Protein backbone atom coordinates (compact mmCIF):
# COMPACT_ATOMS: atom_id res chain seq x y z
CA MET A 1 7.83 -37.30 40.92
CA CYS A 2 6.49 -33.75 40.65
CA SER A 3 4.52 -33.46 43.87
CA THR A 4 6.81 -30.62 44.94
CA ALA A 5 7.03 -28.84 41.60
CA ARG A 6 5.18 -25.90 43.06
CA ARG A 7 8.41 -25.09 44.89
CA SER A 8 9.99 -24.17 41.58
CA SER A 9 7.89 -21.05 41.51
CA PRO A 10 9.72 -17.99 42.85
CA PRO A 11 11.12 -18.61 46.34
CA PRO A 12 10.44 -16.51 49.43
CA GLY A 13 11.62 -13.00 48.86
CA SER A 14 10.63 -12.92 45.20
CA SER A 15 7.93 -10.96 43.49
CA GLY A 16 5.62 -13.96 43.28
CA SER A 17 5.27 -13.83 39.51
CA HIS A 18 6.45 -16.49 37.09
CA THR A 19 9.53 -14.38 36.38
CA HIS A 20 12.27 -14.33 39.00
CA ARG A 21 12.68 -10.79 40.25
CA PRO A 22 13.41 -11.31 43.95
CA GLN A 23 12.71 -8.60 46.47
CA PRO A 24 14.91 -9.48 49.45
CA PRO A 25 13.31 -8.93 52.84
CA GLY A 26 14.55 -6.07 54.92
CA SER A 27 15.49 -3.69 52.09
CA PRO A 28 13.25 -0.61 51.83
CA GLU A 29 12.39 0.97 48.54
CA PRO A 30 14.97 3.72 48.01
CA GLY A 31 13.81 7.30 48.03
CA PRO A 32 16.87 9.57 48.09
CA PRO A 33 16.65 13.34 48.04
CA PRO A 34 17.60 15.03 44.78
CA ALA A 35 21.31 14.72 44.08
CA PRO A 36 23.37 17.86 44.83
CA SER A 37 25.20 19.41 41.92
CA PRO A 38 27.97 18.71 41.59
CA LEU A 39 28.36 15.43 43.42
CA ASP A 40 31.76 14.51 44.79
CA TRP A 41 31.28 10.89 43.67
CA LEU A 42 28.88 9.06 41.40
CA VAL A 43 29.22 5.28 41.60
CA VAL A 44 27.81 3.50 38.54
CA GLY A 45 26.54 0.06 39.54
CA GLY A 46 24.71 -1.10 42.66
CA GLY A 47 26.06 -4.65 42.76
CA ILE A 48 28.75 -6.15 44.99
CA HIS A 49 31.42 -3.78 43.69
CA GLY A 50 29.43 -0.57 43.70
CA THR A 51 27.98 -1.29 47.14
CA HIS A 52 31.34 -2.14 48.73
CA LEU A 53 33.09 0.82 47.10
CA SER A 54 30.35 3.22 48.23
CA LEU A 55 30.67 1.89 51.77
CA ALA A 56 34.45 2.36 51.61
CA LEU A 57 34.06 5.95 50.38
CA ARG A 58 31.60 6.76 53.14
CA GLU A 59 33.94 5.27 55.74
CA ALA A 60 36.79 7.34 54.29
CA GLY A 61 34.83 10.51 55.02
CA VAL A 62 32.82 11.28 51.89
CA PRO A 63 29.55 12.85 53.17
CA ALA A 64 26.36 10.98 52.35
CA HIS A 65 24.87 13.96 50.54
CA ARG A 66 27.90 14.13 48.21
CA ILE A 67 27.73 10.60 46.84
CA ARG A 68 25.15 8.69 44.85
CA ILE A 69 24.90 5.18 43.36
CA LEU A 70 23.36 4.87 39.90
CA ASP A 71 21.68 1.54 39.20
CA PRO A 72 18.47 0.49 37.39
CA GLY A 73 17.39 -1.92 40.16
CA PRO A 74 14.95 -1.11 42.94
CA ARG A 75 17.58 -1.77 45.64
CA LEU A 76 21.26 -2.43 46.02
CA LEU A 77 22.45 -5.94 45.11
CA ASN A 78 19.18 -6.53 43.29
CA ARG A 79 20.71 -8.43 40.38
CA TRP A 80 22.92 -10.50 42.72
CA PHE A 81 19.85 -11.54 44.73
CA ASP A 82 18.01 -12.32 41.51
CA TRP A 83 20.75 -14.39 39.88
CA THR A 84 21.60 -16.41 42.97
CA SER A 85 17.89 -17.13 43.43
CA ARG A 86 17.55 -18.32 39.84
CA THR A 87 20.36 -20.85 40.19
CA GLY A 88 19.24 -22.11 43.58
CA MET A 89 22.71 -21.46 44.96
CA GLU A 90 23.00 -22.68 48.55
CA HIS A 91 26.59 -21.70 49.41
CA LEU A 92 29.02 -19.24 47.88
CA ARG A 93 32.19 -20.44 46.24
CA SER A 94 34.26 -17.71 47.88
CA PRO A 95 35.55 -17.81 51.47
CA GLY A 96 33.92 -16.17 54.46
CA VAL A 97 36.37 -13.26 54.48
CA HIS A 98 34.99 -12.06 51.12
CA HIS A 99 31.84 -9.99 51.59
CA ILE A 100 30.63 -6.40 51.15
CA GLY A 101 31.63 -5.21 54.63
CA LEU A 102 34.91 -3.49 55.46
CA ALA A 103 36.44 -5.62 58.23
CA PRO A 104 37.68 -8.98 56.84
CA PHE A 105 36.13 -11.05 59.63
CA ALA A 106 32.85 -9.13 59.86
CA LEU A 107 30.81 -11.91 58.24
CA LEU A 108 32.26 -14.54 60.58
CA ARG A 109 31.47 -12.38 63.61
CA PHE A 110 27.97 -11.79 62.26
CA ALA A 111 27.49 -15.56 61.99
CA ASP A 112 28.95 -16.21 65.46
CA ARG A 113 26.67 -13.69 67.16
CA ARG A 114 23.66 -15.49 65.67
CA GLY A 115 24.88 -19.01 66.21
CA ARG A 116 24.99 -19.63 62.44
CA ARG A 117 28.67 -20.33 61.76
CA ARG A 118 28.61 -24.08 62.30
CA ARG A 119 25.54 -24.80 60.21
CA GLU A 120 25.91 -22.14 57.49
CA MET A 121 29.67 -21.86 56.83
CA LYS A 122 31.25 -24.76 55.02
CA GLY A 123 34.80 -26.11 54.86
CA ARG A 124 38.07 -24.71 56.08
CA THR A 125 37.53 -21.45 54.16
CA ARG A 126 34.12 -20.96 55.85
CA ARG A 127 32.11 -20.59 52.65
CA PRO A 128 28.89 -18.84 53.70
CA SER A 129 25.38 -19.88 52.79
CA VAL A 130 23.60 -17.52 50.43
CA GLU A 131 21.11 -16.70 53.20
CA LEU A 132 23.91 -15.79 55.62
CA PHE A 133 25.70 -13.66 53.03
CA ARG A 134 22.41 -11.96 52.13
CA ASP A 135 21.46 -11.23 55.74
CA HIS A 136 24.87 -9.78 56.49
CA SER A 137 24.81 -7.67 53.32
CA LEU A 138 21.39 -6.27 54.17
CA GLN A 139 22.58 -5.36 57.65
CA VAL A 140 25.66 -3.60 56.26
CA ILE A 141 23.50 -1.66 53.81
CA ARG A 142 20.97 -0.78 56.49
CA GLU A 143 23.53 0.33 59.08
CA ALA A 144 25.34 2.56 56.59
CA ASP A 145 22.03 3.77 55.08
CA LEU A 146 23.38 3.00 51.61
CA ASP A 147 19.94 2.52 50.08
CA ALA A 148 19.40 6.24 50.60
CA LEU A 149 22.20 6.85 48.09
CA LEU A 150 20.54 4.92 45.27
CA LEU A 151 19.41 6.77 42.16
CA ARG A 152 17.47 4.46 39.85
CA GLY A 153 18.55 4.79 36.27
CA SER A 154 20.91 3.61 33.56
CA LEU A 155 24.00 5.38 32.30
CA GLU A 156 23.85 6.47 28.68
CA ALA A 157 26.80 8.82 28.11
CA ILE A 158 29.70 10.54 29.86
CA GLY A 159 31.22 13.85 28.84
CA PRO A 160 32.78 17.02 30.20
CA HIS A 161 30.54 19.37 32.18
CA PRO A 162 30.59 23.07 31.23
CA ARG A 163 31.40 24.01 34.84
CA GLY A 164 34.14 21.42 35.23
CA GLY A 165 34.00 17.81 36.25
CA LEU A 166 31.86 15.30 34.41
CA GLN A 167 28.38 15.30 32.93
CA VAL A 168 26.65 11.93 33.17
CA GLU A 169 23.62 11.42 30.98
CA THR A 170 21.14 8.81 32.22
CA ASP A 171 17.75 7.60 31.06
CA ARG A 172 16.25 9.74 33.86
CA GLY A 173 18.18 12.97 33.51
CA VAL A 174 21.64 14.51 33.69
CA LEU A 175 23.99 14.41 36.67
CA HIS A 176 27.06 16.52 37.44
CA THR A 177 29.90 14.94 39.40
CA ARG A 178 33.54 15.64 40.15
CA ARG A 179 34.46 11.98 40.22
CA LEU A 180 33.00 8.92 38.61
CA LEU A 181 33.54 5.33 39.74
CA LEU A 182 32.52 2.82 37.07
CA ALA A 183 31.48 -0.52 38.60
CA PRO A 184 28.82 -2.02 36.31
CA GLY A 185 28.06 -5.72 36.53
CA GLN A 186 28.91 -8.24 33.88
CA PRO A 187 26.77 -8.15 30.74
CA PRO A 188 24.24 -10.93 30.24
CA PRO A 189 25.17 -13.59 27.70
CA SER A 190 24.52 -12.63 24.12
CA GLY A 191 23.28 -14.81 21.30
CA GLY A 192 23.64 -18.51 21.96
CA PRO A 193 24.73 -21.71 20.24
CA LYS A 194 23.95 -22.00 16.55
CA TRP A 195 21.35 -24.70 17.21
CA VAL A 196 19.12 -22.42 19.31
CA PRO A 197 16.96 -21.05 16.44
CA GLY A 198 16.24 -24.56 15.19
CA LEU A 199 15.07 -25.70 18.63
CA ARG A 200 12.76 -22.72 18.91
CA GLU A 201 11.36 -23.32 15.46
CA ALA A 202 10.66 -26.92 16.51
CA GLY A 203 8.57 -25.63 19.42
CA LEU A 204 11.04 -26.03 22.31
CA PRO A 205 11.31 -23.06 24.69
CA VAL A 206 14.98 -22.03 24.98
CA VAL A 207 15.63 -19.64 27.87
CA PRO A 208 18.93 -18.11 29.01
CA LEU A 209 19.42 -18.49 32.75
CA PHE A 210 20.67 -14.93 33.06
CA GLY A 211 18.41 -13.27 30.52
CA PRO A 212 15.93 -10.50 31.33
CA ASP A 213 13.24 -13.00 32.36
CA PHE A 214 13.49 -16.52 33.72
CA PRO A 215 10.05 -18.20 34.04
CA LEU A 216 11.25 -21.18 36.05
CA GLY A 217 7.84 -21.91 37.53
CA ASP A 218 6.31 -22.28 34.06
CA LEU A 219 9.21 -24.44 32.87
CA ALA A 220 8.96 -26.72 35.90
CA ARG A 221 5.21 -27.19 35.53
CA SER A 222 5.63 -28.08 31.87
CA ALA A 223 8.32 -30.66 32.72
CA CYS A 224 6.13 -32.23 35.38
CA ARG A 225 3.04 -32.27 33.17
CA THR A 226 4.79 -33.89 30.20
CA GLY A 227 7.35 -36.00 32.04
CA ARG A 228 10.04 -34.60 29.73
CA PRO A 229 13.01 -32.99 31.48
CA ILE A 230 14.21 -29.44 31.55
CA VAL A 231 17.56 -29.71 29.75
CA VAL A 232 20.18 -27.55 31.45
CA VAL A 233 23.02 -26.76 29.04
CA GLY A 234 26.39 -26.02 30.62
CA GLY A 235 29.03 -27.62 32.80
CA GLY A 236 30.01 -24.78 35.11
CA ILE A 237 28.85 -23.76 38.56
CA SER A 238 25.60 -22.08 37.48
CA ALA A 239 24.46 -25.09 35.46
CA VAL A 240 25.28 -27.53 38.25
CA GLN A 241 23.55 -25.41 40.88
CA LEU A 242 20.40 -25.14 38.76
CA ALA A 243 20.35 -28.88 38.05
CA LEU A 244 20.66 -29.64 41.77
CA ARG A 245 17.90 -27.16 42.55
CA LEU A 246 15.57 -28.93 40.13
CA VAL A 247 16.52 -32.29 41.64
CA ARG A 248 15.59 -30.98 45.09
CA ASP A 249 12.28 -29.77 43.70
CA GLU A 250 11.68 -33.19 42.09
CA VAL A 251 11.43 -31.68 38.62
CA PRO A 252 12.64 -33.85 35.68
CA VAL A 253 16.05 -32.54 34.64
CA ALA A 254 18.95 -33.45 32.37
CA LEU A 255 22.31 -31.68 32.27
CA VAL A 256 24.27 -31.61 29.02
CA SER A 257 27.85 -30.34 28.97
CA ARG A 258 30.36 -30.24 26.13
CA HIS A 259 33.14 -31.15 28.56
CA PRO A 260 33.66 -33.33 31.64
CA LEU A 261 33.33 -31.63 35.01
CA ARG A 262 36.27 -29.31 35.61
CA ILE A 263 37.06 -29.30 39.31
CA HIS A 264 38.52 -26.15 40.85
CA ARG A 265 37.94 -24.67 44.30
CA LEU A 266 37.85 -21.12 42.94
CA ASP A 267 37.51 -19.72 39.46
CA SER A 268 41.15 -18.61 39.49
CA ASP A 269 44.18 -19.48 41.59
CA PRO A 270 44.24 -17.78 45.04
CA GLY A 271 47.61 -16.31 44.10
CA TRP A 272 45.76 -13.80 41.92
CA MET A 273 44.38 -12.14 45.04
CA GLY A 274 47.80 -10.82 46.04
CA PRO A 275 51.36 -10.08 44.94
CA ARG A 276 52.37 -13.71 44.36
CA ASN A 277 50.91 -13.60 40.86
CA LEU A 278 50.01 -9.95 40.43
CA ALA A 279 53.58 -8.62 40.63
CA ALA A 280 54.59 -10.29 37.38
CA PHE A 281 51.21 -9.46 35.84
CA ARG A 282 51.61 -5.75 36.53
CA ALA A 283 55.18 -5.84 35.24
CA GLN A 284 53.82 -6.94 31.85
CA PRO A 285 53.43 -3.76 29.76
CA ASP A 286 51.49 -5.27 26.86
CA PRO A 287 47.67 -5.20 27.37
CA ALA A 288 47.24 -8.01 24.84
CA ARG A 289 49.55 -10.23 26.85
CA ARG A 290 47.71 -9.27 30.06
CA ARG A 291 44.45 -10.30 28.40
CA GLN A 292 45.95 -13.62 27.42
CA ILE A 293 47.14 -14.19 31.00
CA ILE A 294 43.65 -13.45 32.33
CA VAL A 295 41.99 -15.86 29.91
CA GLU A 296 44.46 -18.63 30.73
CA ALA A 297 44.21 -18.07 34.49
CA ARG A 298 40.43 -18.28 34.73
CA HIS A 299 38.91 -21.69 35.34
CA ARG A 300 35.96 -20.99 33.10
CA GLY A 301 33.15 -23.53 33.29
CA SER A 302 34.46 -25.10 36.49
CA VAL A 303 32.83 -26.28 39.73
CA PRO A 304 34.17 -26.84 43.24
CA ASP A 305 34.50 -30.45 44.33
CA PRO A 306 31.56 -30.47 46.80
CA LEU A 307 29.15 -29.47 44.02
CA ALA A 308 30.62 -32.01 41.62
CA ARG A 309 30.19 -34.77 44.18
CA ALA A 310 26.62 -33.69 44.89
CA LEU A 311 25.82 -33.76 41.18
CA ARG A 312 27.26 -37.22 40.67
CA ALA A 313 25.40 -38.50 43.72
CA ALA A 314 22.14 -37.04 42.41
CA ALA A 315 22.70 -38.81 39.08
CA VAL A 316 22.90 -42.12 40.96
CA ARG A 317 20.05 -41.75 43.41
CA THR A 318 17.55 -39.75 41.32
CA ASP A 319 16.32 -39.55 37.73
CA LEU A 320 18.82 -36.79 36.87
CA GLU A 321 20.32 -37.49 33.44
CA LEU A 322 23.98 -36.46 33.40
CA LEU A 323 25.40 -36.21 29.87
CA LEU A 324 29.01 -35.03 29.97
CA ALA A 325 31.35 -34.50 27.03
CA ARG A 326 28.33 -34.48 24.73
CA ARG A 327 27.28 -31.98 22.10
CA ILE A 328 23.85 -30.83 21.00
CA LEU A 329 23.57 -30.88 17.21
CA GLY A 330 20.03 -29.63 16.73
CA SER A 331 16.39 -30.60 17.04
CA ALA A 332 14.71 -33.95 16.54
CA ARG A 333 11.36 -35.64 17.12
CA HIS A 334 10.60 -38.54 19.40
CA GLY A 335 7.63 -40.67 20.38
CA ASP A 336 5.58 -43.29 18.60
CA PRO A 337 4.81 -41.94 16.11
CA PRO A 338 7.54 -39.26 16.37
CA GLY A 339 6.01 -35.91 17.14
CA GLU A 340 7.32 -34.39 20.36
CA PRO A 341 10.28 -31.98 20.06
CA ALA A 342 13.59 -33.29 21.33
CA LEU A 343 17.34 -32.67 21.13
CA LEU A 344 19.65 -34.48 18.76
CA LEU A 345 23.01 -35.24 20.41
CA ASP A 346 26.27 -36.36 18.88
CA GLY A 347 26.24 -40.10 18.31
CA GLY A 348 22.65 -39.91 17.11
CA GLU A 349 21.06 -40.03 20.57
CA ILE A 350 17.69 -38.32 20.91
CA LEU A 351 17.01 -36.59 24.22
CA PRO A 352 13.37 -35.71 24.99
CA ALA A 353 12.94 -32.23 26.46
CA SER A 354 10.19 -29.93 27.63
CA SER A 355 12.47 -26.87 27.54
CA VAL A 356 16.12 -25.89 27.40
CA VAL A 357 17.91 -23.55 29.80
CA LEU A 358 21.19 -22.02 28.62
CA ALA A 359 23.32 -21.95 31.77
CA THR A 360 26.68 -21.20 30.21
CA GLY A 361 27.54 -18.22 32.42
CA VAL A 362 27.34 -14.47 32.07
CA GLY A 363 28.74 -12.48 29.19
CA GLU A 364 32.49 -12.20 28.82
CA GLY A 365 32.40 -8.88 26.99
CA VAL A 366 33.03 -5.34 28.14
CA PRO A 367 30.58 -4.17 30.84
CA GLY A 368 28.73 -1.13 29.52
CA ALA A 369 30.40 -1.65 26.13
CA SER A 370 28.37 0.95 24.22
CA TRP A 371 28.99 3.84 26.60
CA ILE A 372 32.57 2.74 27.24
CA ARG A 373 33.31 3.09 23.51
CA ASP A 374 31.45 6.39 23.35
CA THR A 375 33.30 7.77 26.39
CA SER A 376 36.64 6.72 24.94
CA HIS A 377 35.80 8.61 21.75
CA ARG A 378 34.41 11.72 23.49
CA LEU A 379 37.19 12.12 26.06
CA GLY A 380 40.07 10.54 24.18
CA LEU A 381 40.53 7.78 26.77
CA PRO A 382 42.61 4.69 25.96
CA LEU A 383 41.15 1.28 25.22
CA ALA A 384 43.08 -1.95 24.83
CA GLY A 385 42.65 -4.02 21.71
CA CYS A 386 40.10 -6.18 23.58
CA GLY A 387 37.91 -3.10 24.13
CA PHE A 388 38.53 -2.79 27.88
CA PRO A 389 39.77 0.46 29.47
CA ARG A 390 43.50 0.86 30.00
CA VAL A 391 43.62 2.03 33.61
CA ASP A 392 46.65 2.95 35.71
CA GLY A 393 47.74 1.64 39.10
CA GLY A 394 45.12 3.81 40.84
CA LEU A 395 42.45 2.45 38.48
CA HIS A 396 42.19 5.86 36.76
CA TRP A 397 40.97 5.74 33.20
CA GLY A 398 40.92 9.50 32.78
CA GLU A 399 40.66 12.65 34.86
CA GLY A 400 37.97 12.05 37.46
CA ILE A 401 37.15 8.52 36.23
CA GLN A 402 38.14 5.31 38.00
CA CYS A 403 37.07 1.73 37.32
CA SER A 404 36.30 -1.46 39.21
CA GLY A 405 35.19 -4.99 38.42
CA GLY A 406 35.62 -6.20 34.86
CA LEU A 407 36.53 -2.70 33.69
CA ALA A 408 39.65 -2.83 35.89
CA GLU A 409 40.79 -6.36 35.14
CA LEU A 410 43.72 -5.32 32.94
CA GLU A 411 45.17 -3.86 36.16
CA LEU A 412 43.70 -6.09 38.89
CA GLY A 413 43.95 -9.39 37.04
CA PRO A 414 41.72 -12.48 36.85
CA ALA A 415 40.05 -11.94 40.25
CA ALA A 416 38.91 -8.40 39.40
CA ARG A 417 35.27 -9.37 38.82
CA ASN A 418 34.90 -11.41 42.01
CA ILE A 419 33.95 -10.25 45.50
CA VAL A 420 37.62 -10.02 46.44
CA GLY A 421 38.09 -7.83 43.37
CA ALA A 422 35.82 -5.22 44.97
CA ARG A 423 38.09 -5.16 48.01
CA MET A 424 41.17 -4.92 45.79
CA ALA A 425 39.61 -2.01 43.90
CA ALA A 426 38.60 -0.20 47.09
CA ALA A 427 42.17 -0.35 48.38
CA ARG A 428 43.40 1.34 45.19
CA VAL A 429 40.65 3.96 45.15
CA LEU A 430 41.23 4.92 48.79
CA GLU A 431 44.89 5.61 47.98
CA THR A 432 43.81 8.48 45.70
CA ASP A 433 42.52 11.00 48.26
CA PRO A 434 38.79 10.23 47.94
CA THR A 435 37.74 13.25 50.02
CA GLY A 436 40.05 15.73 48.28
CA THR A 437 38.64 18.75 46.50
CA GLY A 438 40.64 18.43 43.29
CA PRO A 439 39.94 16.07 40.42
CA ALA A 440 40.96 12.47 40.87
């Protein structure tokens, strides 16, 4: 069964250690010159949003030496590469017109020129393979020389600068900028189910899929050595992708979900990408009601139909254990005599396990919550009751500060965090005179 378990060690493009920290090919280590003072723009976050927004600002005429991207990773999109590698994602959920480039059909043209559209773009929406999306992203970054804009570091505080503009304190020094574009990624999941401490005390490794470290190679070798499965907990797209990856690698795996598979093509209705749904959303003045609309509109814990069918097929033709609408109650022992750690499920069933992976998605909280609260207090900027910034139609939170991604979702709606949300945010930011000399 486990003859191919060695493939569960980090894939090509990774660091080669037991922990997944992929280093995508083709991206040089950044080495920008010192940032000028003041900058015209500082973009916080080097993920999909920060990269696309920086590209849009450069295209709008912001000089390269007047803009920087602050991110702790060694290269742009580093966490996106890492997280998609961890799950074993093969194709994106989003259509081929959603990518980090500027022209909507740039990814399709990229695929056509290389003869890759037919084999690497799926369905009528042309969902790209991860490899195709990655290769196109790296080309966009390389052609625009965006890696040269990267300043490695983490934001710690924002305040007024004595000479005007904003002072941004980082773990590597202080920056001065006229305008600040906040585009941090989603926070990792915090805590975990109440049964996690008991499993760990019983000797079962419990690892969050999107935690700081993910030693998949070690987990796979343990599963193959003992014959006990890696138990993937979750019923959404990340859990299903990881389970299918382990099936491909012939590693024993079980998937446990509290709910049946929830089938949705996207994680929110396509109407949230345009005025069909957003007009009424923006007409709603109450932030609490907007938050409720967002929660109700998101298909949390869902999977597209092709992945659901692949999972069900794997459960039939392989040893994958698929346990839907089941709950984990705590730890147990199994064997004769009982001794090996296991999971106790509702109904009294005991599920042997070599380890448990929590694949219940990323955190739902406020990105950069600590410095968002601090900035609100320092500068007197408004927060909604849910803790998210209250931004205006131009995504301004305060003078010189604009937001994207999750921080802008009370204005952009349920799709704000997705790839299309970056494009929606860029359109708003570019309406606010990005090359002007006055404060935003």
